[in-house]
Amino acid sequence: MIRSGSLVPGTDPAAFGLPAGTALRYERPDPVLQPLLPSYAVLDSDPAVWKGPDAWVLPGWGQLWIVLTSGTVTVRTRKRQPTRLGSVVLYGNSSRAMPVTSQGGVTVVVDLSPAGWARLIDRPADDFRDQIVPLDRFWPPDRVQDLLSRLHASDRGEGVKAILDDFFLSQLPEPHRDEPALADISRWVREVDTPPVSAMVKQLGISQSALLRVANRHLGYPPKLLMRRTRFLRALTGMMMAESPPAQAGIPSGYHDVPHFLRDANEFLGTTPRRFLALPMPYLRSVLRARAMVIGAPLPLLDPADARRNR
């Protein structure tokens, strides 16, 4: 098993609250990469202690998953089709929580921001929403194999950050022409409230057709759904990370009433918040806590604007 923690000074892995038989690392990428790759994670579990269907991936931006374990890892997407993960896969931007079944071992996850998708994938994100596809559909096979080989040869723990930084910095594409618009749209999507799209169009000074084009191509969905997803996940992760169970009758911030919240829960979870929160998800809760401690927010789409600035 890898050693849990982070290279970020002052990180106490005991505060992650990991269940027995599991380990986790979160790292901040090189400052040049942070606007594109918000975070790196290394997930590990001992198959003799921890395995099965008790892990989940919440909706969000795209991700690269590099599976270093020889054990089987399967994910059920929104279409309810179990997908067995290959060695290096791309998660498309997603709108539904996905259960993961693993037989243990190490997996490395690289988070992609919308700008990261634009620059590193440069394929329409709405063509791959809620899908998991082999990365060699987008990158040359030798490039994918290089990344996989470097990580297989690593300690799979503290050395992963340096390997990923070196790999991505060595072949970083030129900025995409849509990145300035993406930065503005992403900032609006992160707002606590959900202003009408017409207000976004006016404030950003672009046409509605241009807004929809950029959002669908690089963020995977139209702005209204993205704002709803952010609002819901801000409320849900707050409940999941709370030390005491939330009051089920309470109205989360940003919602008019409980039915309003339940409609979004059905959209993004496929069930009610009560049922979802009752599921055994100790590892996911630990992942959320760990990322908030190391990066500043439990999910990339909730990162504050200054978390992805070049410094």
Protein backbone atom coordinates (compact mmCIF):
# COMPACT_ATOMS: atom_id res chain seq x y z
CA MET A 1 0.00 0.00 0.00
CA ILE A 2 1.16 3.53 -0.72
CA ARG A 3 1.64 6.05 2.08
CA SER A 4 -1.31 8.43 2.35
CA GLY A 5 -0.79 12.17 2.39
CA SER A 6 0.50 14.94 0.15
CA LEU A 7 3.68 16.83 -0.69
CA VAL A 8 1.79 20.00 0.29
CA PRO A 9 3.35 21.07 3.62
CA GLY A 10 1.21 20.69 6.72
CA THR A 11 -1.07 17.98 5.33
CA ASP A 12 -2.07 15.45 7.99
CA PRO A 13 -3.35 12.26 6.32
CA ALA A 14 -4.99 11.20 9.58
CA ALA A 15 -7.51 13.99 8.96
CA PHE A 16 -8.61 12.31 5.71
CA GLY A 17 -10.53 9.78 7.82
CA LEU A 18 -9.70 6.89 5.51
CA PRO A 19 -11.39 3.53 6.12
CA ALA A 20 -9.18 0.53 6.94
CA GLY A 21 -7.43 -1.04 3.98
CA THR A 22 -7.33 2.12 1.87
CA ALA A 23 -4.82 4.86 1.07
CA LEU A 24 -4.98 8.17 -0.76
CA ARG A 25 -2.70 10.96 -1.96
CA TYR A 26 -3.67 14.35 -3.39
CA GLU A 27 -1.13 16.63 -5.06
CA ARG A 28 -1.08 20.10 -6.58
CA PRO A 29 0.33 20.09 -10.12
CA ASP A 30 3.07 22.49 -11.18
CA PRO A 31 1.71 26.08 -11.14
CA VAL A 32 1.97 26.27 -14.94
CA LEU A 33 -0.34 23.24 -15.20
CA GLN A 34 -2.89 24.13 -12.53
CA PRO A 35 -5.24 26.08 -14.85
CA LEU A 36 -5.45 22.91 -16.98
CA LEU A 37 -4.99 20.12 -14.42
CA PRO A 38 -6.49 21.17 -11.07
CA SER A 39 -5.26 18.15 -9.12
CA TYR A 40 -3.64 14.73 -9.13
CA ALA A 41 -4.88 11.84 -6.98
CA VAL A 42 -3.50 8.39 -6.24
CA LEU A 43 -6.06 5.89 -4.94
CA ASP A 44 -5.09 2.58 -3.35
CA SER A 45 -6.78 -0.23 -1.47
CA ASP A 46 -5.79 -3.61 -0.09
CA PRO A 47 -7.93 -6.26 -1.85
CA ALA A 48 -7.77 -8.46 1.23
CA VAL A 49 -9.50 -5.75 3.27
CA TRP A 50 -11.33 -3.37 0.97
CA LYS A 51 -13.03 -4.20 -2.32
CA GLY A 52 -16.47 -4.08 -3.86
CA PRO A 53 -19.07 -1.51 -5.00
CA ASP A 54 -18.73 1.04 -2.19
CA ALA A 55 -16.97 3.80 -4.16
CA TRP A 56 -18.53 6.52 -6.28
CA VAL A 57 -17.49 9.23 -8.72
CA LEU A 58 -19.58 12.39 -8.48
CA PRO A 59 -20.56 14.37 -11.59
CA GLY A 60 -17.96 16.84 -12.82
CA TRP A 61 -15.34 17.82 -15.36
CA GLY A 62 -13.34 15.30 -17.35
CA GLN A 63 -10.64 13.09 -15.85
CA LEU A 64 -7.81 10.85 -16.96
CA TRP A 65 -7.64 7.52 -15.13
CA ILE A 66 -4.47 5.42 -15.27
CA VAL A 67 -5.20 1.99 -13.81
CA LEU A 68 -2.02 0.40 -12.45
CA THR A 69 -3.67 -2.54 -10.72
CA SER A 70 -4.12 -5.90 -12.40
CA GLY A 71 -7.51 -6.21 -10.72
CA THR A 72 -10.75 -5.41 -12.50
CA VAL A 73 -12.24 -1.93 -12.13
CA THR A 74 -15.75 -1.31 -13.47
CA VAL A 75 -17.87 1.85 -13.53
CA ARG A 76 -21.58 2.16 -14.24
CA THR A 77 -22.30 5.26 -16.31
CA ARG A 78 -25.52 7.20 -16.67
CA LYS A 79 -26.66 4.73 -19.33
CA ARG A 80 -26.45 2.03 -16.65
CA GLN A 81 -23.95 0.06 -18.71
CA PRO A 82 -21.07 -1.30 -16.59
CA THR A 83 -17.77 -0.30 -18.23
CA ARG A 84 -14.61 -2.24 -17.47
CA LEU A 85 -11.76 0.24 -17.40
CA GLY A 86 -8.73 -0.22 -19.59
CA SER A 87 -5.24 0.85 -18.55
CA VAL A 88 -5.59 4.54 -19.53
CA VAL A 89 -9.05 6.03 -20.03
CA LEU A 90 -10.75 9.39 -20.39
CA TYR A 91 -13.85 10.19 -18.36
CA GLY A 92 -16.04 12.60 -20.27
CA ASN A 93 -17.74 15.49 -18.48
CA SER A 94 -20.49 13.86 -16.45
CA SER A 95 -23.96 14.63 -15.13
CA ARG A 96 -24.72 11.58 -12.97
CA ALA A 97 -22.99 9.96 -10.00
CA MET A 98 -21.29 6.71 -11.04
CA PRO A 99 -20.69 3.68 -8.79
CA VAL A 100 -17.25 2.07 -9.01
CA THR A 101 -16.44 -1.57 -8.27
CA SER A 102 -12.76 -2.34 -7.67
CA GLN A 103 -10.77 -5.38 -6.63
CA GLY A 104 -8.07 -3.25 -5.03
CA GLY A 105 -4.75 -1.77 -6.15
CA VAL A 106 -3.51 1.62 -7.38
CA THR A 107 -5.24 4.03 -9.75
CA VAL A 108 -3.92 7.48 -10.67
CA VAL A 109 -6.46 10.21 -11.49
CA VAL A 110 -5.66 13.47 -13.29
CA ASP A 111 -8.42 16.09 -13.17
CA LEU A 112 -9.06 18.16 -16.30
CA SER A 113 -10.46 21.68 -16.18
CA PRO A 114 -12.48 22.93 -19.17
CA ALA A 115 -9.29 24.67 -20.40
CA GLY A 116 -7.43 21.39 -19.90
CA TRP A 117 -10.01 19.61 -22.05
CA ALA A 118 -9.70 22.28 -24.74
CA ARG A 119 -5.92 22.10 -24.86
CA LEU A 120 -5.19 18.41 -24.19
CA ILE A 121 -8.18 16.69 -25.79
CA ASP A 122 -9.51 19.28 -28.28
CA ARG A 123 -12.52 17.20 -29.25
CA PRO A 124 -16.14 18.24 -28.68
CA ALA A 125 -16.84 17.50 -25.02
CA ASP A 126 -20.56 17.08 -25.70
CA ASP A 127 -19.75 14.08 -27.93
CA PHE A 128 -18.31 12.26 -24.91
CA ARG A 129 -20.52 13.38 -22.03
CA ASP A 130 -21.19 10.61 -19.51
CA GLN A 131 -18.86 8.26 -21.38
CA ILE A 132 -15.61 6.47 -20.56
CA VAL A 133 -13.34 5.89 -23.57
CA PRO A 134 -9.73 4.74 -24.15
CA LEU A 135 -7.34 7.69 -24.17
CA ASP A 136 -5.61 6.39 -27.31
CA ARG A 137 -8.68 7.51 -29.26
CA PHE A 138 -7.37 11.06 -28.74
CA TRP A 139 -3.63 10.70 -28.20
CA PRO A 140 -1.05 8.71 -30.21
CA PRO A 141 -0.67 5.21 -28.70
CA ASP A 142 3.04 5.74 -28.01
CA ARG A 143 2.23 8.85 -25.95
CA VAL A 144 -0.32 6.92 -23.89
CA GLN A 145 2.14 4.06 -23.42
CA ASP A 146 4.85 6.49 -22.31
CA LEU A 147 2.61 7.85 -19.56
CA LEU A 148 1.61 4.34 -18.46
CA SER A 149 5.20 3.07 -18.45
CA ARG A 150 6.46 6.00 -16.39
CA LEU A 151 3.82 5.43 -13.72
CA HIS A 152 4.33 1.66 -13.65
CA ALA A 153 8.05 2.29 -13.01
CA SER A 154 7.32 4.77 -10.21
CA ASP A 155 6.86 4.22 -6.50
CA ARG A 156 3.15 4.91 -7.19
CA GLY A 157 3.17 7.30 -4.24
CA GLU A 158 5.28 10.37 -3.55
CA GLY A 159 7.01 10.13 -6.95
CA VAL A 160 3.81 10.39 -8.98
CA LYS A 161 3.56 14.19 -8.91
CA ALA A 162 7.04 14.72 -10.42
CA ILE A 163 6.34 12.17 -13.15
CA LEU A 164 3.03 13.75 -14.12
CA ASP A 165 4.45 17.27 -14.01
CA ASP A 166 7.37 16.30 -16.24
CA PHE A 167 5.14 14.41 -18.68
CA PHE A 168 2.62 17.21 -19.18
CA LEU A 169 5.11 20.09 -19.12
CA SER A 170 7.27 18.41 -21.75
CA GLN A 171 4.49 18.36 -24.35
CA LEU A 172 2.17 21.17 -23.37
CA PRO A 173 0.16 22.44 -26.39
CA GLU A 174 -0.25 26.11 -27.20
CA PRO A 175 -3.22 27.86 -25.54
CA HIS A 176 -6.58 27.24 -27.18
CA ARG A 177 -8.30 30.27 -28.72
CA ASP A 178 -11.40 29.66 -26.54
CA GLU A 179 -9.56 29.75 -23.20
CA PRO A 180 -10.42 33.40 -22.35
CA ALA A 181 -14.13 32.73 -22.92
CA LEU A 182 -13.84 29.46 -20.99
CA ALA A 183 -12.37 31.27 -17.99
CA ASP A 184 -15.31 33.68 -17.95
CA ILE A 185 -17.93 30.95 -18.38
CA SER A 186 -16.33 28.76 -15.69
CA ARG A 187 -16.36 31.68 -13.28
CA TRP A 188 -20.08 32.20 -13.84
CA VAL A 189 -20.81 28.51 -13.46
CA ARG A 190 -19.12 28.57 -10.04
CA GLU A 191 -21.44 31.31 -8.72
CA VAL A 192 -23.49 30.36 -5.67
CA ASP A 193 -26.71 31.54 -7.31
CA THR A 194 -27.82 30.61 -10.82
CA PRO A 195 -28.43 33.80 -12.80
CA PRO A 196 -30.36 33.56 -16.07
CA VAL A 197 -28.28 32.80 -19.15
CA SER A 198 -29.32 36.17 -20.58
CA ALA A 199 -27.44 37.86 -17.71
CA MET A 200 -24.35 35.81 -18.51
CA VAL A 201 -24.55 36.79 -22.19
CA LYS A 202 -24.83 40.47 -21.27
CA GLN A 203 -22.05 40.42 -18.69
CA LEU A 204 -19.59 38.46 -20.83
CA GLY A 205 -20.31 40.46 -23.95
CA ILE A 206 -20.75 37.47 -26.26
CA SER A 207 -23.69 36.22 -28.25
CA GLN A 208 -25.89 33.44 -26.91
CA SER A 209 -24.90 31.21 -29.83
CA ALA A 210 -21.19 31.73 -29.05
CA LEU A 211 -21.83 30.99 -25.38
CA LEU A 212 -23.60 27.74 -26.19
CA ARG A 213 -20.90 26.74 -28.68
CA VAL A 214 -18.04 27.22 -26.24
CA ALA A 215 -19.89 25.63 -23.31
CA ASN A 216 -20.99 22.54 -25.23
CA ARG A 217 -17.63 22.04 -26.94
CA HIS A 218 -15.40 22.31 -23.87
CA LEU A 219 -17.66 21.94 -20.83
CA GLY A 220 -19.93 19.29 -22.31
CA TYR A 221 -23.29 20.86 -21.45
CA PRO A 222 -25.22 24.13 -21.88
CA PRO A 223 -24.65 26.78 -19.19
CA LYS A 224 -27.99 26.34 -17.41
CA LEU A 225 -27.36 22.66 -16.66
CA LEU A 226 -23.77 23.43 -15.61
CA MET A 227 -24.99 26.03 -13.10
CA ARG A 228 -27.58 23.61 -11.73
CA ARG A 229 -24.93 20.89 -11.39
CA THR A 230 -22.56 23.20 -9.51
CA ARG A 231 -25.29 24.43 -7.16
CA PHE A 232 -26.38 20.87 -6.40
CA LEU A 233 -22.88 19.50 -5.82
CA ARG A 234 -22.00 22.41 -3.55
CA ALA A 235 -25.00 21.48 -1.39
CA LEU A 236 -24.42 17.72 -1.57
CA THR A 237 -20.72 17.78 -0.73
CA GLY A 238 -21.45 20.07 2.19
CA MET A 239 -23.85 17.42 3.52
CA MET A 240 -21.39 14.59 2.88
CA MET A 241 -18.53 16.34 4.68
CA ALA A 242 -20.60 17.50 7.67
CA GLU A 243 -19.58 16.01 11.01
CA SER A 244 -23.22 15.39 11.93
CA PRO A 245 -26.06 14.26 9.64
CA PRO A 246 -27.83 17.19 7.95
CA ALA A 247 -31.42 18.01 8.75
CA GLN A 248 -33.32 16.25 6.01
CA ALA A 249 -36.13 18.80 6.13
CA GLY A 250 -33.79 21.76 5.63
CA ILE A 251 -33.64 23.71 2.37
CA PRO A 252 -30.06 23.87 1.03
CA SER A 253 -28.60 27.25 0.10
CA GLY A 254 -29.52 28.28 -3.44
CA TYR A 255 -32.80 26.35 -3.50
CA HIS A 256 -36.35 27.70 -3.30
CA ASP A 257 -37.80 24.66 -1.55
CA VAL A 258 -37.22 20.95 -0.92
CA PRO A 259 -38.96 19.74 -4.15
CA HIS A 260 -36.59 22.02 -6.09
CA PHE A 261 -33.63 20.25 -4.46
CA LEU A 262 -35.14 16.81 -5.00
CA ARG A 263 -35.57 17.45 -8.74
CA ASP A 264 -31.87 18.21 -9.06
CA ALA A 265 -31.00 15.16 -6.95
CA ASN A 266 -32.96 12.94 -9.32
CA GLU A 267 -31.11 14.51 -12.26
CA PHE A 268 -27.58 14.22 -10.87
CA LEU A 269 -27.85 11.22 -8.53
CA GLY A 270 -30.73 9.20 -9.91
CA THR A 271 -32.16 8.92 -6.41
CA THR A 272 -33.10 11.05 -3.42
CA PRO A 273 -30.44 12.74 -1.26
CA ARG A 274 -31.63 10.74 1.76
CA ARG A 275 -31.07 7.42 -0.02
CA PHE A 276 -27.74 8.49 -1.49
CA LEU A 277 -26.38 9.77 1.81
CA ALA A 278 -27.42 6.52 3.48
CA LEU A 279 -25.18 4.49 1.15
CA PRO A 280 -21.88 3.19 2.60
CA MET A 281 -19.43 5.65 1.04
CA PRO A 282 -16.60 6.12 3.58
CA TYR A 283 -13.90 6.26 0.90
CA LEU A 284 -15.68 8.92 -1.17
CA ARG A 285 -16.18 11.05 1.93
CA SER A 286 -12.46 10.73 2.66
CA VAL A 287 -11.60 11.74 -0.91
CA LEU A 288 -13.75 14.87 -0.59
CA ARG A 289 -12.15 15.81 2.73
CA ALA A 290 -8.64 15.17 1.43
CA ARG A 291 -9.07 17.25 -1.71
CA ALA A 292 -10.59 20.13 0.25
CA MET A 293 -7.60 20.07 2.61
CA VAL A 294 -4.92 19.89 -0.09
CA ILE A 295 -6.45 21.78 -3.03
CA GLY A 296 -9.08 23.99 -1.37
CA ALA A 297 -12.37 22.46 -2.57
CA PRO A 298 -13.83 18.93 -2.55
CA LEU A 299 -14.36 18.89 -6.34
CA PRO A 300 -12.58 20.61 -9.24
CA LEU A 301 -15.75 22.35 -10.40
CA LEU A 302 -15.97 24.01 -6.97
CA ASP A 303 -12.39 25.32 -6.99
CA PRO A 304 -12.18 29.06 -6.31
CA ALA A 305 -11.13 31.17 -9.28
CA ASP A 306 -7.68 31.95 -7.91
CA ALA A 307 -6.90 28.25 -7.34
CA ARG A 308 -6.11 27.84 -11.04
CA ARG A 309 -4.13 30.98 -11.70
CA ASN A 310 -0.54 30.74 -12.81
CA ARG A 311 1.61 31.79 -9.89
